[in-house]
Amino acid sequence: MHESYEAILEKQLSMTEQTWKRLQELGATKETPLQLDFAFDAPNREAAESLQGLLEEETDYAVRVESEGMFKKTHRVSGTTQPTSVSEEILKQWVDWMVTAGLKHDCVFDGWGTEVP
């Protein structure tokens, strides 16, 4: 399997802290509605489509599966949340949920990003 849940989560939470600090420097607050872009790496199309199904069932996110390469295909699940107000704590809970959701479908959460409106 991939990195452990703990290793992935620790890495993503650290990146989330840094990103939240940068967003605040750019003017984001807990009241600023942010639309989050996210991505997962998947081992095959079936795993990617399985994760896509879960995310579409459990959330109102726009989710897509992308595959690239002729001989050695790579598969990715990516998407966008609806605009919503968040805090660092809410982001950390969301990241934990995304890491867990990915691993349940043999996919690895690769991170998130956004733009300050």
N, C-alpha and C. Protein backbone atom coordinates (compact mmCIF):
# COMPACT_ATOMS: atom_id res chain seq x y z
N MET A 1 0.85 -1.19 0.00
CA MET A 1 0.00 0.00 0.00
C MET A 1 0.89 1.25 0.00
N HIS A 2 0.28 2.36 -0.04
CA HIS A 2 0.98 3.64 -0.08
C HIS A 2 1.49 4.01 1.30
N GLU A 3 1.86 5.27 1.42
CA GLU A 3 2.25 5.77 2.73
C GLU A 3 1.12 5.48 3.72
N SER A 4 1.47 5.45 4.96
CA SER A 4 0.46 5.18 5.98
C SER A 4 -0.47 6.38 6.14
N TYR A 5 -1.63 6.13 6.68
CA TYR A 5 -2.59 7.18 6.98
C TYR A 5 -1.92 8.30 7.78
N GLU A 6 -1.17 7.91 8.81
CA GLU A 6 -0.53 8.91 9.68
C GLU A 6 0.45 9.78 8.91
N ALA A 7 1.24 9.17 8.03
CA ALA A 7 2.24 9.92 7.27
C ALA A 7 1.57 10.89 6.29
N ILE A 8 0.54 10.41 5.62
CA ILE A 8 -0.17 11.27 4.67
C ILE A 8 -0.85 12.41 5.41
N LEU A 9 -1.53 12.08 6.50
CA LEU A 9 -2.25 13.10 7.25
C LEU A 9 -1.29 14.13 7.82
N GLU A 10 -0.19 13.69 8.40
CA GLU A 10 0.78 14.63 8.98
C GLU A 10 1.29 15.59 7.91
N LYS A 11 1.63 15.07 6.75
CA LYS A 11 2.13 15.91 5.65
C LYS A 11 1.06 16.91 5.21
N GLN A 12 -0.18 16.44 5.04
CA GLN A 12 -1.24 17.31 4.56
C GLN A 12 -1.64 18.37 5.61
N LEU A 13 -1.64 17.99 6.87
CA LEU A 13 -1.97 18.97 7.91
C LEU A 13 -0.90 20.05 8.01
N SER A 14 0.35 19.67 7.86
CA SER A 14 1.44 20.64 7.87
C SER A 14 1.29 21.62 6.70
N MET A 15 0.98 21.09 5.53
CA MET A 15 0.78 21.94 4.36
C MET A 15 -0.45 22.83 4.54
N THR A 16 -1.48 22.30 5.19
CA THR A 16 -2.70 23.08 5.43
C THR A 16 -2.41 24.27 6.34
N GLU A 17 -1.61 24.05 7.38
CA GLU A 17 -1.24 25.15 8.27
C GLU A 17 -0.53 26.25 7.50
N GLN A 18 0.42 25.87 6.66
CA GLN A 18 1.17 26.84 5.87
C GLN A 18 0.26 27.57 4.89
N THR A 19 -0.63 26.82 4.24
CA THR A 19 -1.53 27.42 3.26
C THR A 19 -2.50 28.38 3.94
N TRP A 20 -3.04 28.00 5.09
CA TRP A 20 -3.97 28.88 5.80
C TRP A 20 -3.29 30.18 6.20
N LYS A 21 -2.02 30.10 6.68
CA LYS A 21 -1.28 31.32 7.03
C LYS A 21 -1.13 32.22 5.81
N ARG A 22 -0.81 31.61 4.67
CA ARG A 22 -0.65 32.39 3.44
C ARG A 22 -1.98 33.00 3.00
N LEU A 23 -3.05 32.26 3.12
CA LEU A 23 -4.37 32.79 2.75
C LEU A 23 -4.74 33.99 3.63
N GLN A 24 -4.41 33.90 4.91
CA GLN A 24 -4.67 35.02 5.81
C GLN A 24 -3.84 36.24 5.40
N GLU A 25 -2.59 36.01 5.01
CA GLU A 25 -1.75 37.12 4.53
C GLU A 25 -2.37 37.78 3.31
N LEU A 26 -3.09 37.00 2.51
CA LEU A 26 -3.73 37.51 1.30
C LEU A 26 -5.12 38.09 1.58
N GLY A 27 -5.53 38.09 2.85
CA GLY A 27 -6.79 38.72 3.21
C GLY A 27 -7.93 37.79 3.55
N ALA A 28 -7.72 36.49 3.50
CA ALA A 28 -8.80 35.55 3.84
C ALA A 28 -9.04 35.55 5.35
N THR A 29 -10.31 35.44 5.72
CA THR A 29 -10.70 35.32 7.13
C THR A 29 -11.64 34.12 7.25
N LYS A 30 -12.08 33.84 8.46
CA LYS A 30 -13.03 32.75 8.68
C LYS A 30 -14.36 33.01 7.97
N GLU A 31 -14.61 34.26 7.62
CA GLU A 31 -15.86 34.62 6.95
C GLU A 31 -15.74 34.61 5.42
N THR A 32 -14.52 34.52 4.90
CA THR A 32 -14.31 34.56 3.46
C THR A 32 -14.74 33.25 2.82
N PRO A 33 -15.71 33.27 1.90
CA PRO A 33 -16.09 32.02 1.23
C PRO A 33 -14.98 31.59 0.26
N LEU A 34 -14.48 30.39 0.46
CA LEU A 34 -13.42 29.85 -0.39
C LEU A 34 -13.92 28.62 -1.12
N GLN A 35 -13.56 28.51 -2.38
CA GLN A 35 -13.85 27.32 -3.18
C GLN A 35 -12.54 26.55 -3.26
N LEU A 36 -12.53 25.34 -2.70
CA LEU A 36 -11.29 24.56 -2.61
C LEU A 36 -11.17 23.60 -3.79
N ASP A 37 -10.01 23.61 -4.42
CA ASP A 37 -9.67 22.62 -5.45
C ASP A 37 -8.89 21.52 -4.76
N PHE A 38 -9.13 20.27 -5.15
CA PHE A 38 -8.45 19.15 -4.50
C PHE A 38 -8.10 18.09 -5.53
N ALA A 39 -7.17 17.19 -5.13
CA ALA A 39 -6.76 16.12 -6.03
C ALA A 39 -6.31 14.90 -5.24
N PHE A 40 -6.50 13.74 -5.87
CA PHE A 40 -6.05 12.45 -5.34
C PHE A 40 -5.32 11.72 -6.45
N ASP A 41 -4.33 10.93 -6.09
CA ASP A 41 -3.69 9.99 -7.01
C ASP A 41 -4.35 8.63 -6.81
N ALA A 42 -4.66 7.96 -7.92
CA ALA A 42 -5.32 6.66 -7.85
C ALA A 42 -4.47 5.61 -8.57
N PRO A 43 -4.48 4.37 -8.10
CA PRO A 43 -3.66 3.32 -8.71
C PRO A 43 -4.23 2.81 -10.04
N ASN A 44 -5.54 2.98 -10.24
CA ASN A 44 -6.17 2.52 -11.48
C ASN A 44 -7.50 3.25 -11.65
N ARG A 45 -8.09 3.08 -12.80
CA ARG A 45 -9.35 3.78 -13.11
C ARG A 45 -10.49 3.34 -12.19
N GLU A 46 -10.52 2.06 -11.87
CA GLU A 46 -11.59 1.55 -11.00
C GLU A 46 -11.56 2.22 -9.63
N ALA A 47 -10.37 2.34 -9.04
CA ALA A 47 -10.25 2.99 -7.73
C ALA A 47 -10.65 4.46 -7.85
N ALA A 48 -10.22 5.11 -8.92
CA ALA A 48 -10.56 6.52 -9.12
C ALA A 48 -12.07 6.70 -9.24
N GLU A 49 -12.72 5.85 -10.00
CA GLU A 49 -14.17 5.97 -10.19
C GLU A 49 -14.92 5.62 -8.90
N SER A 50 -14.38 4.71 -8.12
CA SER A 50 -14.99 4.36 -6.84
C SER A 50 -14.94 5.56 -5.89
N LEU A 51 -13.79 6.22 -5.82
CA LEU A 51 -13.66 7.42 -4.98
C LEU A 51 -14.56 8.54 -5.51
N GLN A 52 -14.60 8.71 -6.81
CA GLN A 52 -15.48 9.71 -7.40
C GLN A 52 -16.93 9.48 -6.96
N GLY A 53 -17.37 8.23 -7.00
CA GLY A 53 -18.72 7.89 -6.58
C GLY A 53 -18.99 8.28 -5.14
N LEU A 54 -18.04 7.96 -4.25
CA LEU A 54 -18.20 8.32 -2.84
C LEU A 54 -18.31 9.83 -2.67
N LEU A 55 -17.40 10.56 -3.30
CA LEU A 55 -17.40 12.02 -3.14
C LEU A 55 -18.68 12.63 -3.68
N GLU A 56 -19.17 12.11 -4.78
CA GLU A 56 -20.41 12.64 -5.35
C GLU A 56 -21.61 12.28 -4.48
N GLU A 57 -21.56 11.12 -3.85
CA GLU A 57 -22.66 10.69 -2.98
C GLU A 57 -22.67 11.45 -1.65
N GLU A 58 -21.48 11.70 -1.09
CA GLU A 58 -21.37 12.28 0.25
C GLU A 58 -21.28 13.81 0.26
N THR A 59 -20.99 14.42 -0.88
CA THR A 59 -20.76 15.87 -0.91
C THR A 59 -21.49 16.49 -2.10
N ASP A 60 -21.38 17.80 -2.21
CA ASP A 60 -21.91 18.51 -3.38
C ASP A 60 -20.75 19.02 -4.25
N TYR A 61 -19.61 18.33 -4.22
CA TYR A 61 -18.43 18.73 -4.96
C TYR A 61 -18.56 18.35 -6.44
N ALA A 62 -17.95 19.14 -7.28
CA ALA A 62 -17.79 18.77 -8.69
C ALA A 62 -16.54 17.89 -8.76
N VAL A 63 -16.69 16.64 -9.20
CA VAL A 63 -15.58 15.67 -9.16
C VAL A 63 -15.39 15.06 -10.53
N ARG A 64 -14.13 14.88 -10.93
CA ARG A 64 -13.84 14.25 -12.22
C ARG A 64 -12.67 13.28 -12.08
N VAL A 65 -12.65 12.32 -12.97
CA VAL A 65 -11.55 11.35 -13.06
C VAL A 65 -10.79 11.65 -14.34
N GLU A 66 -9.47 11.70 -14.23
CA GLU A 66 -8.62 11.94 -15.39
C GLU A 66 -7.58 10.83 -15.48
N SER A 67 -7.34 10.36 -16.69
CA SER A 67 -6.30 9.36 -16.93
C SER A 67 -5.39 9.88 -18.03
N GLU A 68 -4.09 9.67 -17.85
CA GLU A 68 -3.11 10.11 -18.84
C GLU A 68 -2.11 9.01 -19.09
N GLY A 69 -1.50 9.05 -20.26
CA GLY A 69 -0.45 8.11 -20.61
C GLY A 69 -0.96 6.96 -21.45
N MET A 70 -0.11 6.53 -22.40
CA MET A 70 -0.52 5.45 -23.28
C MET A 70 -0.17 4.09 -22.69
N PHE A 71 1.07 3.94 -22.24
CA PHE A 71 1.51 2.64 -21.74
C PHE A 71 1.45 2.56 -20.22
N LYS A 72 1.93 3.60 -19.57
CA LYS A 72 1.86 3.64 -18.11
C LYS A 72 0.88 4.73 -17.74
N LYS A 73 -0.35 4.34 -17.57
CA LYS A 73 -1.40 5.31 -17.28
C LYS A 73 -1.31 5.79 -15.83
N THR A 74 -1.58 7.07 -15.66
CA THR A 74 -1.75 7.63 -14.33
C THR A 74 -3.21 8.04 -14.21
N HIS A 75 -3.73 7.93 -13.02
CA HIS A 75 -5.14 8.23 -12.79
C HIS A 75 -5.24 9.22 -11.65
N ARG A 76 -6.11 10.18 -11.82
CA ARG A 76 -6.28 11.23 -10.83
C ARG A 76 -7.76 11.53 -10.64
N VAL A 77 -8.11 11.81 -9.41
CA VAL A 77 -9.44 12.29 -9.09
C VAL A 77 -9.24 13.73 -8.63
N SER A 78 -9.96 14.64 -9.25
CA SER A 78 -9.84 16.03 -8.84
C SER A 78 -11.21 16.66 -8.81
N GLY A 79 -11.28 17.80 -8.17
CA GLY A 79 -12.57 18.45 -8.07
C GLY A 79 -12.51 19.77 -7.35
N THR A 80 -13.70 20.30 -7.13
CA THR A 80 -13.86 21.61 -6.53
C THR A 80 -15.05 21.58 -5.57
N THR A 81 -14.87 22.19 -4.41
CA THR A 81 -15.96 22.31 -3.45
C THR A 81 -16.83 23.50 -3.82
N GLN A 82 -17.97 23.60 -3.17
CA GLN A 82 -18.78 24.82 -3.27
C GLN A 82 -18.11 25.88 -2.41
N PRO A 83 -18.28 27.16 -2.75
CA PRO A 83 -17.71 28.21 -1.89
C PRO A 83 -18.28 28.11 -0.48
N THR A 84 -17.40 28.14 0.51
CA THR A 84 -17.85 28.08 1.90
C THR A 84 -16.83 28.76 2.79
N SER A 85 -17.28 29.26 3.91
CA SER A 85 -16.37 29.87 4.88
C SER A 85 -15.71 28.76 5.69
N VAL A 86 -14.41 28.90 5.93
CA VAL A 86 -13.67 27.89 6.66
C VAL A 86 -12.70 28.56 7.63
N SER A 87 -12.24 27.77 8.58
CA SER A 87 -11.18 28.19 9.50
C SER A 87 -10.06 27.16 9.38
N GLU A 88 -8.96 27.41 10.03
CA GLU A 88 -7.87 26.43 10.00
C GLU A 88 -8.34 25.11 10.59
N GLU A 89 -9.11 25.16 11.68
CA GLU A 89 -9.59 23.93 12.31
C GLU A 89 -10.54 23.16 11.39
N ILE A 90 -11.44 23.87 10.73
CA ILE A 90 -12.36 23.21 9.78
C ILE A 90 -11.57 22.60 8.63
N LEU A 91 -10.58 23.31 8.13
CA LEU A 91 -9.75 22.78 7.05
C LEU A 91 -9.04 21.50 7.48
N LYS A 92 -8.53 21.48 8.70
CA LYS A 92 -7.83 20.29 9.19
C LYS A 92 -8.78 19.10 9.30
N GLN A 93 -10.00 19.34 9.76
CA GLN A 93 -10.99 18.26 9.83
C GLN A 93 -11.33 17.76 8.42
N TRP A 94 -11.48 18.69 7.50
CA TRP A 94 -11.79 18.33 6.11
C TRP A 94 -10.65 17.51 5.49
N VAL A 95 -9.42 17.94 5.73
CA VAL A 95 -8.25 17.22 5.21
C VAL A 95 -8.23 15.80 5.77
N ASP A 96 -8.50 15.64 7.05
CA ASP A 96 -8.54 14.31 7.66
C ASP A 96 -9.61 13.45 6.96
N TRP A 97 -10.78 14.03 6.73
CA TRP A 97 -11.85 13.29 6.04
C TRP A 97 -11.43 12.91 4.62
N MET A 98 -10.79 13.83 3.91
CA MET A 98 -10.37 13.57 2.53
C MET A 98 -9.29 12.48 2.49
N VAL A 99 -8.32 12.53 3.41
CA VAL A 99 -7.28 11.49 3.47
C VAL A 99 -7.93 10.13 3.71
N THR A 100 -8.85 10.08 4.68
CA THR A 100 -9.54 8.83 5.01
C THR A 100 -10.36 8.32 3.82
N ALA A 101 -11.12 9.20 3.20
CA ALA A 101 -11.94 8.81 2.05
C ALA A 101 -11.07 8.26 0.94
N GLY A 102 -9.96 8.90 0.68
CA GLY A 102 -9.06 8.42 -0.36
C GLY A 102 -8.52 7.03 -0.06
N LEU A 103 -8.03 6.84 1.14
CA LEU A 103 -7.43 5.56 1.49
C LEU A 103 -8.45 4.42 1.47
N LYS A 104 -9.71 4.72 1.79
CA LYS A 104 -10.75 3.69 1.72
C LYS A 104 -10.94 3.17 0.29
N HIS A 105 -10.50 3.97 -0.67
CA HIS A 105 -10.63 3.59 -2.08
C HIS A 105 -9.26 3.42 -2.74
N ASP A 106 -8.22 3.19 -1.91
CA ASP A 106 -6.86 2.95 -2.37
C ASP A 106 -6.29 4.14 -3.14
N CYS A 107 -6.76 5.35 -2.82
CA CYS A 107 -6.27 6.57 -3.46
C CYS A 107 -5.58 7.43 -2.40
N VAL A 108 -4.66 8.27 -2.84
CA VAL A 108 -3.90 9.11 -1.91
C VAL A 108 -4.25 10.57 -2.15
N PHE A 109 -4.70 11.23 -1.08
CA PHE A 109 -5.02 12.65 -1.15
C PHE A 109 -3.73 13.41 -1.44
N ASP A 110 -3.74 14.18 -2.52
CA ASP A 110 -2.53 14.89 -2.95
C ASP A 110 -2.54 16.35 -2.54
N GLY A 111 -3.66 16.82 -1.98
CA GLY A 111 -3.66 18.18 -1.48
C GLY A 111 -4.80 19.02 -2.03
N TRP A 112 -4.78 20.29 -1.61
CA TRP A 112 -5.82 21.23 -1.98
C TRP A 112 -5.23 22.60 -2.18
N GLY A 113 -5.99 23.44 -2.81
CA GLY A 113 -5.60 24.83 -3.01
C GLY A 113 -6.83 25.67 -3.25
N THR A 114 -6.65 26.97 -3.26
CA THR A 114 -7.76 27.89 -3.50
C THR A 114 -7.20 29.23 -3.89
N GLU A 115 -8.09 30.13 -4.26
CA GLU A 115 -7.73 31.52 -4.52
C GLU A 115 -8.58 32.39 -3.62
N VAL A 116 -7.99 33.44 -3.10
CA VAL A 116 -8.75 34.38 -2.28
C VAL A 116 -9.50 35.30 -3.22
N PRO A 117 -10.83 35.38 -3.05
CA PRO A 117 -11.63 36.22 -3.96
C PRO A 117 -11.31 37.71 -3.80
